Amino acid sequence: MLPRPTSRDCSHSAATRSLSNPGCAREGAARRVRLRWLHSQRVEYAKQLLESTDLPVDEVAARSGLGSPANFRIHFKRATRVAPLAYRKSFGTPACAAARVHRGAHNSSEHTGPGNMGR
């Protein structure tokens, strides 16, 4: 059996574009599996937040660890085949939907306030 490669061995192998060391190829595959699992866990957590809270999408992106809001939207849609707000509309709790409607009625000045100059 071959000895387990070190990170230094694999980084050298990757730098020279040689994956002739089978241990490095296995380590790379294992890393991809771990990253896919982590990504799926982050998406699942984001789904829970969208279903059970009325947090803005920006906050869901930050809490779930999927990066910027734009990056979050891309990854979430790729994983679920639906945009985050559409997901919330379909699967969110009625209490959260009512809170969003109520909050929107009181915060309508946010969109037309002096800081936005009519945008």
C-alpha atoms as a PDB file:
ATOM      1  CA  MET A   1       0.000   0.000   0.000  1.00  0.00           C
ATOM      2  CA  LEU A   2       1.223   3.505  -0.830  1.00  0.00           C
ATOM      3  CA  PRO A   3       1.793   5.961   2.009  1.00  0.00           C
ATOM      4  CA  ARG A   4      -0.882   8.645   2.355  1.00  0.00           C
ATOM      5  CA  PRO A   5       0.272  11.789   0.504  1.00  0.00           C
ATOM      6  CA  THR A   6       0.760  15.003   2.394  1.00  0.00           C
ATOM      7  CA  SER A   7      -0.784  18.326   1.418  1.00  0.00           C
ATOM      8  CA  ARG A   8       2.624  19.417   0.175  1.00  0.00           C
ATOM      9  CA  ASP A   9       2.840  16.357  -2.098  1.00  0.00           C
ATOM     10  CA  CYS A  10      -0.581  17.084  -3.566  1.00  0.00           C
ATOM     11  CA  SER A  11      -0.011  20.801  -4.010  1.00  0.00           C
ATOM     12  CA  HIS A  12       3.225  20.044  -5.850  1.00  0.00           C
ATOM     13  CA  SER A  13       1.395  17.487  -7.953  1.00  0.00           C
ATOM     14  CA  ALA A  14      -1.394  19.946  -8.759  1.00  0.00           C
ATOM     15  CA  ALA A  15       1.112  22.684  -9.575  1.00  0.00           C
ATOM     16  CA  THR A  16       2.856  20.448 -12.094  1.00  0.00           C
ATOM     17  CA  ARG A  17      -0.493  19.195 -13.465  1.00  0.00           C
ATOM     18  CA  SER A  18       0.488  15.643 -12.706  1.00  0.00           C
ATOM     19  CA  LEU A  19      -1.961  13.448 -10.895  1.00  0.00           C
ATOM     20  CA  SER A  20       0.236  10.421 -11.277  1.00  0.00           C
ATOM     21  CA  ASN A  21       0.186  10.025  -7.498  1.00  0.00           C
ATOM     22  CA  PRO A  22      -3.034   8.050  -6.907  1.00  0.00           C
ATOM     23  CA  GLY A  23      -3.191   9.272  -3.315  1.00  0.00           C
ATOM     24  CA  CYS A  24      -3.478  12.869  -4.516  1.00  0.00           C
ATOM     25  CA  ALA A  25      -6.292  11.959  -6.872  1.00  0.00           C
ATOM     26  CA  ARG A  26      -8.130  10.256  -3.995  1.00  0.00           C
ATOM     27  CA  GLU A  27      -7.547  13.230  -1.718  1.00  0.00           C
ATOM     28  CA  GLY A  28      -8.876  15.584  -4.400  1.00  0.00           C
ATOM     29  CA  ALA A  29     -11.977  13.441  -4.890  1.00  0.00           C
ATOM     30  CA  ALA A  30     -12.560  13.280  -1.134  1.00  0.00           C
ATOM     31  CA  ARG A  31     -12.238  17.079  -0.902  1.00  0.00           C
ATOM     32  CA  ARG A  32     -14.846  17.523  -3.666  1.00  0.00           C
ATOM     33  CA  VAL A  33     -17.224  15.180  -1.852  1.00  0.00           C
ATOM     34  CA  ARG A  34     -16.800  17.140   1.388  1.00  0.00           C
ATOM     35  CA  LEU A  35     -17.377  20.449  -0.407  1.00  0.00           C
ATOM     36  CA  ARG A  36     -20.536  19.117  -2.114  1.00  0.00           C
ATOM     37  CA  TRP A  37     -21.829  17.939   1.253  1.00  0.00           C
ATOM     38  CA  LEU A  38     -21.062  21.305   2.875  1.00  0.00           C
ATOM     39  CA  HIS A  39     -22.766  23.140   0.001  1.00  0.00           C
ATOM     40  CA  SER A  40     -25.873  20.950   0.310  1.00  0.00           C
ATOM     41  CA  GLN A  41     -25.999  21.617   4.065  1.00  0.00           C
ATOM     42  CA  ARG A  42     -25.780  25.364   3.454  1.00  0.00           C
ATOM     43  CA  VAL A  43     -28.597  25.214   0.905  1.00  0.00           C
ATOM     44  CA  GLU A  44     -30.740  23.171   3.309  1.00  0.00           C
ATOM     45  CA  TYR A  45     -30.141  25.731   6.068  1.00  0.00           C
ATOM     46  CA  ALA A  46     -31.050  28.545   3.672  1.00  0.00           C
ATOM     47  CA  LYS A  47     -34.258  26.694   2.792  1.00  0.00           C
ATOM     48  CA  GLN A  48     -35.122  26.430   6.489  1.00  0.00           C
ATOM     49  CA  LEU A  49     -34.507  30.154   6.963  1.00  0.00           C
ATOM     50  CA  LEU A  50     -36.617  31.041   3.940  1.00  0.00           C
ATOM     51  CA  GLU A  51     -39.439  28.772   5.123  1.00  0.00           C
ATOM     52  CA  SER A  52     -39.527  29.805   8.760  1.00  0.00           C
ATOM     53  CA  THR A  53     -38.343  33.426   8.958  1.00  0.00           C
ATOM     54  CA  ASP A  54     -38.979  36.703   7.217  1.00  0.00           C
ATOM     55  CA  LEU A  55     -35.287  37.574   7.037  1.00  0.00           C
ATOM     56  CA  PRO A  56     -34.226  39.470   3.908  1.00  0.00           C
ATOM     57  CA  VAL A  57     -32.474  37.361   1.278  1.00  0.00           C
ATOM     58  CA  ASP A  58     -29.223  39.228   1.993  1.00  0.00           C
ATOM     59  CA  GLU A  59     -29.365  38.060   5.612  1.00  0.00           C
ATOM     60  CA  VAL A  60     -30.230  34.489   4.594  1.00  0.00           C
ATOM     61  CA  ALA A  61     -27.191  34.540   2.296  1.00  0.00           C
ATOM     62  CA  ALA A  62     -24.936  35.710   5.115  1.00  0.00           C
ATOM     63  CA  ARG A  63     -26.289  33.276   7.705  1.00  0.00           C
ATOM     64  CA  SER A  64     -26.178  30.264   5.400  1.00  0.00           C
ATOM     65  CA  GLY A  65     -22.584  30.901   4.367  1.00  0.00           C
ATOM     66  CA  LEU A  66     -23.287  30.998   0.644  1.00  0.00           C
ATOM     67  CA  GLY A  67     -21.488  34.299   0.126  1.00  0.00           C
ATOM     68  CA  SER A  68     -22.820  37.484  -1.371  1.00  0.00           C
ATOM     69  CA  PRO A  69     -26.534  37.835  -2.110  1.00  0.00           C
ATOM     70  CA  ALA A  70     -25.843  37.451  -5.845  1.00  0.00           C
ATOM     71  CA  ASN A  71     -23.740  34.338  -5.264  1.00  0.00           C
ATOM     72  CA  PHE A  72     -26.405  32.979  -2.919  1.00  0.00           C
ATOM     73  CA  ARG A  73     -29.127  33.421  -5.539  1.00  0.00           C
ATOM     74  CA  ILE A  74     -27.062  31.610  -8.172  1.00  0.00           C
ATOM     75  CA  HIS A  75     -26.184  28.664  -5.922  1.00  0.00           C
ATOM     76  CA  PHE A  76     -29.663  28.410  -4.414  1.00  0.00           C
ATOM     77  CA  LYS A  77     -31.351  28.388  -7.815  1.00  0.00           C
ATOM     78  CA  ARG A  78     -28.862  25.854  -9.155  1.00  0.00           C
ATOM     79  CA  ALA A  79     -29.537  23.533  -6.224  1.00  0.00           C
ATOM     80  CA  THR A  80     -33.329  23.942  -5.997  1.00  0.00           C
ATOM     81  CA  ARG A  81     -34.295  25.030  -9.520  1.00  0.00           C
ATOM     82  CA  VAL A  82     -36.166  28.009  -8.051  1.00  0.00           C
ATOM     83  CA  ALA A  83     -35.149  31.507  -6.951  1.00  0.00           C
ATOM     84  CA  PRO A  84     -34.998  32.180  -3.190  1.00  0.00           C
ATOM     85  CA  LEU A  85     -38.016  34.517  -3.088  1.00  0.00           C
ATOM     86  CA  ALA A  86     -40.101  32.146  -5.211  1.00  0.00           C
ATOM     87  CA  TYR A  87     -39.106  29.346  -2.844  1.00  0.00           C
ATOM     88  CA  ARG A  88     -40.199  31.419   0.141  1.00  0.00           C
ATOM     89  CA  LYS A  89     -43.498  32.256  -1.545  1.00  0.00           C
ATOM     90  CA  SER A  90     -44.183  28.559  -2.190  1.00  0.00           C
ATOM     91  CA  PHE A  91     -42.905  27.043   1.057  1.00  0.00           C
ATOM     92  CA  GLY A  92     -42.792  29.826   3.652  1.00  0.00           C
ATOM     93  CA  THR A  93     -45.172  29.739   6.589  1.00  0.00           C
ATOM     94  CA  PRO A  94     -48.326  31.872   6.428  1.00  0.00           C
ATOM     95  CA  ALA A  95     -47.228  33.771   9.561  1.00  0.00           C
ATOM     96  CA  CYS A  96     -43.993  34.812   7.852  1.00  0.00           C
ATOM     97  CA  ALA A  97     -45.872  35.871   4.725  1.00  0.00           C
ATOM     98  CA  ALA A  98     -48.259  37.972   6.827  1.00  0.00           C
ATOM     99  CA  ALA A  99     -45.313  39.585   8.631  1.00  0.00           C
ATOM    100  CA  ARG A 100     -43.692  40.471   5.296  1.00  0.00           C
ATOM    101  CA  VAL A 101     -46.914  42.046   4.010  1.00  0.00           C
ATOM    102  CA  HIS A 102     -47.408  43.940   7.273  1.00  0.00           C
ATOM    103  CA  ARG A 103     -43.797  45.127   7.324  1.00  0.00           C
ATOM    104  CA  GLY A 104     -44.014  46.198   3.671  1.00  0.00           C
ATOM    105  CA  ALA A 105     -47.042  48.382   4.370  1.00  0.00           C
ATOM    106  CA  HIS A 106     -45.184  50.258   7.111  1.00  0.00           C
ATOM    107  CA  ASN A 107     -41.872  50.538   5.273  1.00  0.00           C
ATOM    108  CA  SER A 108     -43.089  51.707   1.878  1.00  0.00           C
ATOM    109  CA  SER A 109     -41.201  54.994   2.388  1.00  0.00           C
ATOM    110  CA  GLU A 110     -37.923  53.054   2.252  1.00  0.00           C
ATOM    111  CA  HIS A 111     -38.197  52.790  -1.512  1.00  0.00           C
ATOM    112  CA  THR A 112     -39.064  56.412  -2.204  1.00  0.00           C
ATOM    113  CA  GLY A 113     -37.292  58.175   0.662  1.00  0.00           C
ATOM    114  CA  PRO A 114     -34.878  61.056   0.235  1.00  0.00           C
ATOM    115  CA  GLY A 115     -31.861  58.738   0.100  1.00  0.00           C
ATOM    116  CA  ASN A 116     -33.165  57.055  -3.041  1.00  0.00           C
ATOM    117  CA  MET A 117     -33.930  60.254  -4.959  1.00  0.00           C
ATOM    118  CA  GLY A 118     -37.033  58.785  -6.592  1.00  0.00           C
ATOM    119  CA  ARG A 119     -35.396  55.550  -7.789  1.00  0.00           C
END
